N, C-alpha and C. Protein backbone atom coordinates (compact mmCIF):
# COMPACT_ATOMS: atom_id res chain seq x y z
N MET A 1 1.00 -1.98 -1.40
CA MET A 1 -0.23 -1.42 -0.87
C MET A 1 -0.08 0.07 -0.63
N GLN A 2 1.10 0.47 -0.12
CA GLN A 2 1.30 1.90 0.15
C GLN A 2 1.17 2.72 -1.13
N GLN A 3 1.74 2.20 -2.22
CA GLN A 3 1.66 2.93 -3.49
C GLN A 3 0.23 2.97 -4.01
N LEU A 4 -0.52 1.90 -3.80
CA LEU A 4 -1.92 1.89 -4.25
C LEU A 4 -2.76 2.88 -3.45
N PHE A 5 -2.65 2.83 -2.11
CA PHE A 5 -3.50 3.67 -1.28
C PHE A 5 -3.04 5.13 -1.21
N SER A 6 -1.79 5.38 -1.59
CA SER A 6 -1.33 6.78 -1.69
C SER A 6 -1.55 7.32 -3.10
N GLN A 7 -2.11 6.50 -3.97
CA GLN A 7 -2.47 6.84 -5.35
C GLN A 7 -1.25 7.08 -6.24
N GLN A 8 -0.07 6.60 -5.83
CA GLN A 8 1.11 6.68 -6.68
C GLN A 8 0.99 5.67 -7.82
N LEU A 9 0.33 4.55 -7.55
CA LEU A 9 0.08 3.52 -8.54
C LEU A 9 -1.41 3.51 -8.82
N ARG A 10 -1.80 3.76 -10.06
CA ARG A 10 -3.22 3.85 -10.42
C ARG A 10 -3.54 2.86 -11.54
N PHE A 11 -4.76 2.40 -11.57
CA PHE A 11 -5.26 1.56 -12.66
C PHE A 11 -5.95 2.43 -13.69
N LYS A 12 -6.10 1.89 -14.88
CA LYS A 12 -6.82 2.58 -15.95
C LYS A 12 -8.04 1.74 -16.33
N ASP A 13 -9.02 2.38 -16.96
CA ASP A 13 -10.20 1.64 -17.40
C ASP A 13 -9.87 0.81 -18.64
N GLU A 14 -10.85 0.09 -19.16
CA GLU A 14 -10.62 -0.81 -20.30
C GLU A 14 -10.21 -0.07 -21.58
N ASN A 15 -10.43 1.24 -21.63
CA ASN A 15 -10.01 2.04 -22.79
C ASN A 15 -8.67 2.73 -22.58
N GLY A 16 -8.03 2.46 -21.43
CA GLY A 16 -6.74 3.06 -21.14
C GLY A 16 -6.83 4.46 -20.54
N ASN A 17 -8.03 4.86 -20.18
CA ASN A 17 -8.23 6.19 -19.59
C ASN A 17 -8.10 6.13 -18.08
N SER A 18 -7.70 7.24 -17.51
CA SER A 18 -7.58 7.33 -16.05
C SER A 18 -8.97 7.39 -15.43
N TYR A 19 -9.07 6.80 -14.25
CA TYR A 19 -10.31 6.89 -13.48
C TYR A 19 -10.38 8.27 -12.83
N PRO A 20 -11.57 8.68 -12.39
CA PRO A 20 -11.70 9.96 -11.70
C PRO A 20 -10.84 9.99 -10.43
N ASP A 21 -10.57 11.20 -9.95
CA ASP A 21 -9.82 11.36 -8.71
C ASP A 21 -10.53 10.67 -7.56
N TRP A 22 -9.76 10.24 -6.59
CA TRP A 22 -10.32 9.60 -5.41
C TRP A 22 -10.99 10.66 -4.54
N GLU A 23 -12.03 10.24 -3.85
CA GLU A 23 -12.77 11.14 -2.97
C GLU A 23 -12.40 10.87 -1.51
N GLU A 24 -12.22 11.94 -0.75
CA GLU A 24 -11.95 11.80 0.67
C GLU A 24 -13.27 11.61 1.40
N LYS A 25 -13.31 10.60 2.25
CA LYS A 25 -14.52 10.28 3.01
C LYS A 25 -14.11 9.90 4.43
N LYS A 26 -15.07 9.99 5.33
CA LYS A 26 -14.87 9.42 6.66
C LYS A 26 -15.22 7.94 6.54
N LEU A 27 -14.49 7.10 7.25
CA LEU A 27 -14.73 5.66 7.19
C LEU A 27 -16.19 5.34 7.49
N GLY A 28 -16.80 6.06 8.41
CA GLY A 28 -18.20 5.84 8.77
C GLY A 28 -19.18 6.13 7.64
N GLU A 29 -18.72 6.84 6.60
CA GLU A 29 -19.59 7.10 5.45
C GLU A 29 -19.64 5.90 4.50
N VAL A 30 -18.66 4.99 4.61
CA VAL A 30 -18.60 3.87 3.66
C VAL A 30 -18.87 2.52 4.30
N VAL A 31 -18.76 2.44 5.64
CA VAL A 31 -19.08 1.19 6.33
C VAL A 31 -20.02 1.46 7.48
N GLU A 32 -20.79 0.45 7.82
CA GLU A 32 -21.63 0.51 9.01
C GLU A 32 -21.20 -0.61 9.94
N SER A 33 -21.33 -0.36 11.21
CA SER A 33 -20.87 -1.30 12.23
C SER A 33 -22.06 -1.86 13.01
N SER A 34 -21.94 -3.12 13.36
CA SER A 34 -22.91 -3.73 14.27
C SER A 34 -22.16 -4.71 15.16
N SER A 35 -22.78 -5.09 16.25
CA SER A 35 -22.08 -5.92 17.22
C SER A 35 -22.74 -7.28 17.39
N SER A 36 -22.04 -8.14 18.08
CA SER A 36 -22.51 -9.48 18.39
C SER A 36 -22.52 -9.61 19.91
N ASN A 37 -23.41 -10.42 20.41
CA ASN A 37 -23.46 -10.70 21.85
C ASN A 37 -23.05 -12.13 22.16
N LEU A 38 -22.46 -12.82 21.16
CA LEU A 38 -22.12 -14.22 21.35
C LEU A 38 -20.87 -14.37 22.23
N SER A 39 -20.92 -15.35 23.10
CA SER A 39 -19.79 -15.66 23.99
C SER A 39 -19.39 -17.10 23.75
N ILE A 40 -18.09 -17.36 23.71
CA ILE A 40 -17.61 -18.73 23.48
C ILE A 40 -18.08 -19.67 24.57
N ASN A 41 -18.24 -19.17 25.80
CA ASN A 41 -18.71 -20.01 26.90
C ASN A 41 -20.12 -20.52 26.66
N ASP A 42 -20.96 -19.71 26.03
CA ASP A 42 -22.34 -20.11 25.74
C ASP A 42 -22.41 -21.10 24.59
N LEU A 43 -21.34 -21.23 23.83
CA LEU A 43 -21.34 -22.08 22.63
C LEU A 43 -20.51 -23.34 22.80
N GLU A 44 -20.12 -23.62 24.04
CA GLU A 44 -19.23 -24.75 24.31
C GLU A 44 -19.76 -26.07 23.76
N ASN A 45 -21.05 -26.33 23.91
CA ASN A 45 -21.65 -27.59 23.45
C ASN A 45 -22.43 -27.44 22.16
N ASN A 46 -22.16 -26.38 21.43
CA ASN A 46 -22.88 -26.12 20.18
C ASN A 46 -21.96 -26.48 19.01
N PHE A 47 -22.43 -27.37 18.14
CA PHE A 47 -21.66 -27.80 16.98
C PHE A 47 -22.57 -27.78 15.76
N GLY A 48 -22.01 -27.46 14.61
CA GLY A 48 -22.81 -27.41 13.39
C GLY A 48 -21.93 -27.16 12.19
N ASN A 49 -22.49 -26.47 11.20
CA ASN A 49 -21.81 -26.26 9.93
C ASN A 49 -21.43 -24.81 9.65
N TYR A 50 -21.72 -23.90 10.59
CA TYR A 50 -21.51 -22.47 10.33
C TYR A 50 -20.34 -21.93 11.15
N PRO A 51 -19.35 -21.32 10.49
CA PRO A 51 -18.17 -20.84 11.20
C PRO A 51 -18.47 -19.68 12.15
N ILE A 52 -17.71 -19.67 13.24
CA ILE A 52 -17.72 -18.52 14.14
C ILE A 52 -16.26 -18.11 14.33
N TYR A 53 -16.05 -16.78 14.37
CA TYR A 53 -14.71 -16.22 14.44
C TYR A 53 -14.52 -15.45 15.74
N GLY A 54 -13.28 -15.50 16.23
CA GLY A 54 -12.87 -14.74 17.39
C GLY A 54 -11.68 -13.88 17.03
N ALA A 55 -11.00 -13.36 18.03
CA ALA A 55 -9.89 -12.43 17.81
C ALA A 55 -8.73 -13.01 17.02
N THR A 56 -8.58 -14.34 17.05
CA THR A 56 -7.48 -14.97 16.31
C THR A 56 -7.94 -15.61 15.01
N GLY A 57 -9.21 -15.47 14.68
CA GLY A 57 -9.73 -16.04 13.45
C GLY A 57 -10.77 -17.13 13.74
N PHE A 58 -10.82 -18.13 12.85
CA PHE A 58 -11.79 -19.21 12.96
C PHE A 58 -11.65 -19.94 14.29
N ILE A 59 -12.80 -20.20 14.95
CA ILE A 59 -12.79 -20.93 16.22
C ILE A 59 -13.34 -22.33 16.04
N LYS A 60 -14.56 -22.40 15.51
CA LYS A 60 -15.22 -23.69 15.31
C LYS A 60 -16.48 -23.47 14.50
N CYS A 61 -17.24 -24.51 14.26
CA CYS A 61 -18.52 -24.40 13.56
C CYS A 61 -19.66 -24.62 14.55
N ILE A 62 -20.72 -23.81 14.40
CA ILE A 62 -21.88 -23.89 15.28
C ILE A 62 -23.13 -24.13 14.42
N ASP A 63 -24.29 -24.29 15.06
CA ASP A 63 -25.50 -24.67 14.31
C ASP A 63 -26.38 -23.50 13.89
N PHE A 64 -25.86 -22.28 13.94
CA PHE A 64 -26.61 -21.11 13.47
C PHE A 64 -25.61 -20.06 13.00
N TYR A 65 -26.12 -19.02 12.38
CA TYR A 65 -25.25 -17.90 11.98
C TYR A 65 -26.01 -16.60 12.15
N GLU A 66 -25.25 -15.50 12.31
CA GLU A 66 -25.87 -14.19 12.47
C GLU A 66 -25.88 -13.39 11.17
N LYS A 67 -24.91 -13.63 10.29
CA LYS A 67 -24.80 -12.83 9.06
C LYS A 67 -24.99 -13.70 7.83
N ASN A 68 -25.88 -13.24 6.95
CA ASN A 68 -26.10 -13.99 5.70
C ASN A 68 -25.45 -13.31 4.50
N GLU A 69 -24.53 -12.37 4.76
CA GLU A 69 -23.77 -11.71 3.70
C GLU A 69 -22.31 -11.61 4.13
N ASP A 70 -21.41 -11.45 3.16
CA ASP A 70 -20.00 -11.28 3.47
C ASP A 70 -19.83 -10.01 4.31
N TYR A 71 -18.80 -9.99 5.15
CA TYR A 71 -18.56 -8.86 6.03
C TYR A 71 -17.10 -8.85 6.46
N ILE A 72 -16.71 -7.79 7.12
CA ILE A 72 -15.39 -7.69 7.74
C ILE A 72 -15.62 -7.77 9.24
N ALA A 73 -14.82 -8.59 9.91
CA ALA A 73 -14.85 -8.66 11.36
C ALA A 73 -13.62 -7.91 11.87
N ILE A 74 -13.83 -7.02 12.82
CA ILE A 74 -12.71 -6.27 13.40
C ILE A 74 -12.70 -6.47 14.91
N VAL A 75 -11.52 -6.76 15.44
CA VAL A 75 -11.37 -6.98 16.88
C VAL A 75 -11.49 -5.63 17.59
N LYS A 76 -12.44 -5.55 18.53
CA LYS A 76 -12.68 -4.29 19.24
C LYS A 76 -12.24 -4.34 20.69
N ASP A 77 -12.05 -5.55 21.25
CA ASP A 77 -11.67 -5.70 22.66
C ASP A 77 -10.54 -6.70 22.79
N GLY A 78 -9.56 -6.37 23.63
CA GLY A 78 -8.52 -7.35 23.95
C GLY A 78 -7.25 -7.19 23.14
N ALA A 79 -6.46 -8.23 23.18
CA ALA A 79 -5.10 -8.17 22.64
C ALA A 79 -5.05 -7.92 21.14
N GLY A 80 -5.89 -8.15 20.32
CA GLY A 80 -5.69 -7.92 18.89
C GLY A 80 -6.46 -6.75 18.32
N VAL A 81 -6.77 -5.73 19.12
CA VAL A 81 -7.63 -4.65 18.64
C VAL A 81 -7.13 -4.08 17.31
N GLY A 82 -8.08 -3.92 16.39
CA GLY A 82 -7.76 -3.39 15.07
C GLY A 82 -7.52 -4.46 14.03
N ARG A 83 -7.20 -5.69 14.46
CA ARG A 83 -7.01 -6.79 13.51
C ARG A 83 -8.36 -7.06 12.85
N ASN A 84 -8.33 -7.31 11.55
CA ASN A 84 -9.60 -7.58 10.87
C ASN A 84 -9.50 -8.77 9.95
N PHE A 85 -10.65 -9.37 9.67
CA PHE A 85 -10.77 -10.57 8.85
C PHE A 85 -11.88 -10.35 7.83
N LEU A 86 -11.68 -10.84 6.64
CA LEU A 86 -12.73 -10.86 5.64
C LEU A 86 -13.47 -12.17 5.81
N CYS A 87 -14.74 -12.11 6.12
CA CYS A 87 -15.51 -13.31 6.45
C CYS A 87 -16.63 -13.55 5.45
N SER A 88 -16.87 -14.81 5.18
CA SER A 88 -17.93 -15.20 4.24
C SER A 88 -19.29 -15.18 4.91
N SER A 89 -20.32 -15.16 4.08
CA SER A 89 -21.69 -15.19 4.57
C SER A 89 -21.95 -16.46 5.37
N ASN A 90 -23.08 -16.48 6.06
CA ASN A 90 -23.51 -17.62 6.88
C ASN A 90 -22.47 -17.96 7.95
N SER A 91 -22.06 -16.94 8.68
CA SER A 91 -21.11 -17.12 9.77
C SER A 91 -21.40 -16.08 10.85
N SER A 92 -20.63 -16.13 11.93
CA SER A 92 -20.84 -15.24 13.08
C SER A 92 -19.51 -14.87 13.70
N ILE A 93 -19.56 -13.92 14.62
CA ILE A 93 -18.38 -13.51 15.38
C ILE A 93 -18.73 -13.46 16.87
N LEU A 94 -17.69 -13.50 17.68
CA LEU A 94 -17.88 -13.35 19.12
C LEU A 94 -18.08 -11.87 19.47
N GLY A 95 -18.52 -11.61 20.66
CA GLY A 95 -18.81 -10.25 21.12
C GLY A 95 -17.59 -9.35 21.25
N THR A 96 -16.39 -9.91 21.15
CA THR A 96 -15.17 -9.09 21.23
C THR A 96 -14.82 -8.48 19.87
N LEU A 97 -15.64 -8.76 18.86
CA LEU A 97 -15.45 -8.22 17.53
C LEU A 97 -16.69 -7.42 17.11
N ASN A 98 -16.54 -6.63 16.07
CA ASN A 98 -17.66 -5.94 15.44
C ASN A 98 -17.78 -6.39 14.00
N TYR A 99 -19.00 -6.38 13.49
CA TYR A 99 -19.25 -6.57 12.07
C TYR A 99 -19.07 -5.23 11.37
N LEU A 100 -18.40 -5.21 10.24
CA LEU A 100 -18.36 -4.03 9.39
C LEU A 100 -18.91 -4.43 8.03
N ASN A 101 -19.93 -3.72 7.59
CA ASN A 101 -20.55 -3.98 6.29
C ASN A 101 -20.40 -2.76 5.40
N SER A 102 -20.21 -3.02 4.14
CA SER A 102 -20.05 -1.96 3.15
C SER A 102 -21.38 -1.30 2.87
N LYS A 103 -21.34 0.01 2.73
CA LYS A 103 -22.52 0.72 2.26
C LYS A 103 -22.52 0.70 0.74
N ASN A 104 -23.53 1.21 0.10
CA ASN A 104 -23.66 1.17 -1.37
C ASN A 104 -22.45 1.73 -2.09
N ASN A 105 -22.12 1.10 -3.22
CA ASN A 105 -21.05 1.54 -4.13
C ASN A 105 -19.66 1.51 -3.54
N TYR A 106 -19.44 0.63 -2.57
CA TYR A 106 -18.11 0.44 -2.01
C TYR A 106 -17.82 -1.06 -1.97
N ASP A 107 -16.65 -1.43 -2.48
CA ASP A 107 -16.26 -2.83 -2.57
C ASP A 107 -15.72 -3.31 -1.22
N LEU A 108 -16.32 -4.39 -0.69
CA LEU A 108 -15.96 -4.90 0.62
C LEU A 108 -14.49 -5.33 0.69
N LYS A 109 -14.01 -6.00 -0.34
CA LYS A 109 -12.60 -6.42 -0.33
C LYS A 109 -11.67 -5.21 -0.35
N PHE A 110 -12.02 -4.18 -1.10
CA PHE A 110 -11.20 -2.96 -1.10
C PHE A 110 -11.16 -2.37 0.31
N ILE A 111 -12.31 -2.31 0.97
CA ILE A 111 -12.37 -1.77 2.33
C ILE A 111 -11.50 -2.61 3.27
N TYR A 112 -11.54 -3.93 3.11
CA TYR A 112 -10.72 -4.82 3.92
C TYR A 112 -9.24 -4.46 3.79
N TYR A 113 -8.76 -4.31 2.55
CA TYR A 113 -7.36 -3.97 2.35
C TYR A 113 -7.06 -2.56 2.86
N LEU A 114 -7.99 -1.66 2.70
CA LEU A 114 -7.81 -0.30 3.20
C LEU A 114 -7.68 -0.31 4.73
N LEU A 115 -8.52 -1.09 5.40
CA LEU A 115 -8.45 -1.18 6.86
C LEU A 115 -7.09 -1.70 7.32
N ASN A 116 -6.48 -2.57 6.53
CA ASN A 116 -5.17 -3.10 6.88
C ASN A 116 -4.08 -2.04 6.79
N SER A 117 -4.37 -0.93 6.16
CA SER A 117 -3.38 0.15 6.05
C SER A 117 -3.58 1.23 7.13
N ILE A 118 -4.61 1.08 7.95
CA ILE A 118 -4.91 2.06 9.01
C ILE A 118 -4.23 1.64 10.30
N ASN A 119 -3.62 2.59 10.99
CA ASN A 119 -3.01 2.34 12.29
C ASN A 119 -4.08 2.58 13.37
N PHE A 120 -4.63 1.51 13.91
CA PHE A 120 -5.69 1.62 14.90
C PHE A 120 -5.17 1.92 16.30
N LYS A 121 -3.86 1.92 16.50
CA LYS A 121 -3.29 2.17 17.84
C LYS A 121 -3.73 3.52 18.38
N LYS A 122 -3.90 4.50 17.51
CA LYS A 122 -4.29 5.83 17.98
C LYS A 122 -5.71 5.88 18.53
N TYR A 123 -6.49 4.81 18.29
CA TYR A 123 -7.87 4.76 18.77
C TYR A 123 -8.04 3.89 20.01
N ILE A 124 -6.95 3.30 20.49
CA ILE A 124 -7.04 2.39 21.64
C ILE A 124 -7.31 3.18 22.92
N ILE A 125 -8.28 2.66 23.68
CA ILE A 125 -8.62 3.21 24.99
C ILE A 125 -8.49 2.06 25.99
N GLY A 126 -7.90 2.35 27.14
CA GLY A 126 -7.74 1.33 28.18
C GLY A 126 -6.38 0.66 28.09
N SER A 127 -5.81 0.35 29.24
CA SER A 127 -4.48 -0.26 29.25
C SER A 127 -4.55 -1.74 29.64
N THR A 128 -5.41 -2.10 30.58
CA THR A 128 -5.51 -3.49 30.99
C THR A 128 -6.17 -4.32 29.89
N ILE A 129 -7.32 -3.89 29.46
CA ILE A 129 -8.01 -4.51 28.31
C ILE A 129 -8.22 -3.40 27.28
N PRO A 130 -7.42 -3.40 26.22
CA PRO A 130 -7.57 -2.34 25.22
C PRO A 130 -8.88 -2.47 24.44
N HIS A 131 -9.44 -1.33 24.07
CA HIS A 131 -10.69 -1.28 23.30
C HIS A 131 -10.52 -0.26 22.18
N ILE A 132 -11.23 -0.49 21.09
CA ILE A 132 -11.42 0.55 20.08
C ILE A 132 -12.91 0.64 19.82
N TYR A 133 -13.37 1.84 19.52
CA TYR A 133 -14.79 2.05 19.31
C TYR A 133 -15.04 2.62 17.92
N PHE A 134 -16.07 2.10 17.27
CA PHE A 134 -16.42 2.55 15.92
C PHE A 134 -16.67 4.05 15.90
N LYS A 135 -17.30 4.57 16.94
CA LYS A 135 -17.60 6.01 16.99
C LYS A 135 -16.34 6.85 16.86
N ASP A 136 -15.18 6.28 17.26
CA ASP A 136 -13.90 6.99 17.16
C ASP A 136 -13.25 6.77 15.79
N TYR A 137 -13.04 5.51 15.42
CA TYR A 137 -12.32 5.27 14.16
C TYR A 137 -13.19 5.48 12.93
N SER A 138 -14.49 5.65 13.10
CA SER A 138 -15.36 5.94 11.95
C SER A 138 -15.07 7.34 11.39
N LYS A 139 -14.36 8.15 12.17
CA LYS A 139 -14.02 9.51 11.73
C LYS A 139 -12.71 9.55 10.94
N GLU A 140 -12.03 8.40 10.84
CA GLU A 140 -10.78 8.31 10.08
C GLU A 140 -11.03 8.73 8.63
N LEU A 141 -10.22 9.67 8.14
CA LEU A 141 -10.36 10.12 6.76
C LEU A 141 -9.63 9.15 5.84
N VAL A 142 -10.34 8.66 4.84
CA VAL A 142 -9.80 7.72 3.87
C VAL A 142 -10.15 8.20 2.47
N HIS A 143 -9.41 7.74 1.49
CA HIS A 143 -9.66 8.11 0.11
C HIS A 143 -10.23 6.91 -0.64
N PHE A 144 -11.28 7.16 -1.42
CA PHE A 144 -11.94 6.09 -2.15
C PHE A 144 -11.98 6.40 -3.64
N PRO A 145 -11.54 5.41 -4.43
CA PRO A 145 -11.64 5.57 -5.88
C PRO A 145 -13.04 5.20 -6.36
N PHE A 146 -13.26 5.41 -7.64
CA PHE A 146 -14.46 4.98 -8.34
C PHE A 146 -14.61 3.47 -8.13
N LEU A 147 -15.84 2.95 -8.05
CA LEU A 147 -16.10 1.55 -7.73
C LEU A 147 -15.31 0.58 -8.60
N GLU A 148 -15.26 0.83 -9.89
CA GLU A 148 -14.55 -0.08 -10.80
C GLU A 148 -13.06 -0.16 -10.45
N GLU A 149 -12.46 0.95 -10.06
CA GLU A 149 -11.06 0.95 -9.66
C GLU A 149 -10.89 0.25 -8.30
N GLN A 150 -11.85 0.41 -7.40
CA GLN A 150 -11.82 -0.31 -6.13
C GLN A 150 -11.74 -1.82 -6.39
N GLU A 151 -12.59 -2.29 -7.30
CA GLU A 151 -12.64 -3.72 -7.62
C GLU A 151 -11.32 -4.20 -8.22
N LYS A 152 -10.72 -3.40 -9.10
CA LYS A 152 -9.43 -3.77 -9.70
C LYS A 152 -8.34 -3.86 -8.64
N ILE A 153 -8.31 -2.90 -7.73
CA ILE A 153 -7.32 -2.91 -6.66
C ILE A 153 -7.52 -4.13 -5.76
N ALA A 154 -8.76 -4.39 -5.38
CA ALA A 154 -9.06 -5.53 -4.51
C ALA A 154 -8.67 -6.85 -5.18
N ASN A 155 -8.98 -7.00 -6.45
CA ASN A 155 -8.62 -8.23 -7.18
C ASN A 155 -7.11 -8.38 -7.28
N PHE A 156 -6.41 -7.29 -7.54
CA PHE A 156 -4.95 -7.30 -7.63
C PHE A 156 -4.34 -7.76 -6.31
N LEU A 157 -4.80 -7.18 -5.20
CA LEU A 157 -4.26 -7.53 -3.89
C LEU A 157 -4.65 -8.95 -3.48
N THR A 158 -5.84 -9.39 -3.85
CA THR A 158 -6.27 -10.77 -3.58
C THR A 158 -5.37 -11.75 -4.32
N ASN A 159 -5.05 -11.45 -5.57
CA ASN A 159 -4.15 -12.32 -6.34
C ASN A 159 -2.78 -12.41 -5.69
N ILE A 160 -2.27 -11.29 -5.18
CA ILE A 160 -0.98 -11.31 -4.48
C ILE A 160 -1.08 -12.18 -3.23
N ASP A 161 -2.16 -12.01 -2.45
CA ASP A 161 -2.35 -12.84 -1.26
C ASP A 161 -2.38 -14.32 -1.62
N ASN A 162 -3.06 -14.67 -2.71
CA ASN A 162 -3.13 -16.07 -3.14
C ASN A 162 -1.75 -16.61 -3.50
N LYS A 163 -0.94 -15.80 -4.16
CA LYS A 163 0.42 -16.23 -4.52
C LYS A 163 1.27 -16.42 -3.25
N VAL A 164 1.13 -15.51 -2.30
CA VAL A 164 1.87 -15.64 -1.04
C VAL A 164 1.46 -16.92 -0.32
N ASP A 165 0.17 -17.23 -0.29
CA ASP A 165 -0.32 -18.46 0.34
C ASP A 165 0.27 -19.68 -0.35
N GLU A 166 0.33 -19.65 -1.66
CA GLU A 166 0.90 -20.75 -2.43
C GLU A 166 2.38 -20.93 -2.11
N ILE A 167 3.12 -19.85 -2.01
CA ILE A 167 4.55 -19.91 -1.66
C ILE A 167 4.72 -20.46 -0.24
N ASP A 168 3.85 -20.02 0.69
CA ASP A 168 3.90 -20.54 2.06
C ASP A 168 3.69 -22.05 2.09
N LYS A 169 2.73 -22.54 1.31
CA LYS A 169 2.48 -23.99 1.25
C LYS A 169 3.70 -24.72 0.71
N ASN A 170 4.32 -24.18 -0.34
CA ASN A 170 5.51 -24.81 -0.90
C ASN A 170 6.67 -24.80 0.09
N LEU A 171 6.83 -23.72 0.84
CA LEU A 171 7.87 -23.67 1.86
C LEU A 171 7.66 -24.74 2.93
N LYS A 172 6.42 -24.90 3.32
CA LYS A 172 6.09 -25.91 4.33
C LYS A 172 6.45 -27.31 3.81
N ILE A 173 6.12 -27.58 2.56
CA ILE A 173 6.44 -28.87 1.96
C ILE A 173 7.96 -29.07 1.91
N GLN A 174 8.70 -28.03 1.52
CA GLN A 174 10.16 -28.12 1.44
C GLN A 174 10.78 -28.34 2.82
N ARG A 175 10.23 -27.71 3.84
CA ARG A 175 10.74 -27.90 5.20
C ARG A 175 10.53 -29.34 5.67
N GLU A 176 9.36 -29.88 5.36
CA GLU A 176 9.08 -31.28 5.72
C GLU A 176 10.01 -32.23 4.97
N PHE A 177 10.28 -31.93 3.70
CA PHE A 177 11.19 -32.75 2.90
C PHE A 177 12.59 -32.72 3.52
N LYS A 178 13.04 -31.52 3.89
CA LYS A 178 14.36 -31.36 4.52
C LYS A 178 14.42 -32.13 5.83
N LYS A 179 13.37 -32.02 6.62
CA LYS A 179 13.29 -32.72 7.90
C LYS A 179 13.41 -34.23 7.69
N GLY A 180 12.71 -34.74 6.68
CA GLY A 180 12.78 -36.17 6.36
C GLY A 180 14.18 -36.59 5.94
N LEU A 181 14.84 -35.78 5.13
CA LEU A 181 16.22 -36.07 4.71
C LEU A 181 17.17 -36.11 5.90
N LEU A 182 17.03 -35.12 6.78
CA LEU A 182 17.89 -35.09 7.96
C LEU A 182 17.67 -36.29 8.86
N GLN A 183 16.43 -36.74 8.99
CA GLN A 183 16.14 -37.90 9.80
C GLN A 183 16.79 -39.15 9.20
N LYS A 184 16.75 -39.27 7.88
CA LYS A 184 17.35 -40.42 7.21
C LYS A 184 18.87 -40.39 7.33
N MET A 185 19.46 -39.18 7.31
CA MET A 185 20.92 -39.06 7.40
C MET A 185 21.44 -39.46 8.76
N PHE A 186 20.71 -39.19 9.81
CA PHE A 186 21.22 -39.41 11.14
C PHE A 186 20.60 -40.63 11.83
N CYS A 187 19.91 -41.46 11.08
CA CYS A 187 19.33 -42.69 11.68
C CYS A 187 20.19 -43.89 11.34
C-alpha cells in the first residue's frame, strides 16, 4: 500500500501508457461527511434485515436503514477513532461514527484504502473520550490518480484482502484439525 500511495508503484492503461500525474487534494474535496443520531440503547428491541455498525463493526440487524448507497463509516468518538469500514447500501451506523460518501469521479473503495493509510492520531481531541472531527481531518492533503487508476488500485487491494481472508480461514481450519489430533493423542 505504501508503494501504491507514494506512487512508487503505478498502473498503466490498457494500451500500456502511463496515467496522468496524481492530483493533490484536500480530503474534504473528495468526500462528504454526514452523521447519525442512532443509539444502540434505542434499538435494543429492534430486529430486522438491515445491518447496523458500531465502532467494532457489525452489531446486529434492524428493521430500517439510513443509507441506500455504499459508504465508508469512520469512528469519530471513543476508543477506535479513525478506524473505518467499507459498508454496503441499505445499512446504518451508530452516532459514534460518521458516514463518508464519495463525491463525483472518486472511487469509494480507493478512498477506503487511502483512509487506512492516514494517521488520524494527529486529529484526536480529548483524553477521556477521544474525538476526531471531519472539519479537521477534511484538510488532510491526499493525492488522487485518474479515476480508472483509482479503480485498478482498489481492485488490486481488494483481491489481496480476499486472499488474506482465504488464508485466515485455512489457518483456522488447520488449527482446529491440530486441536482434534491433540485431543485424540491424549485421550
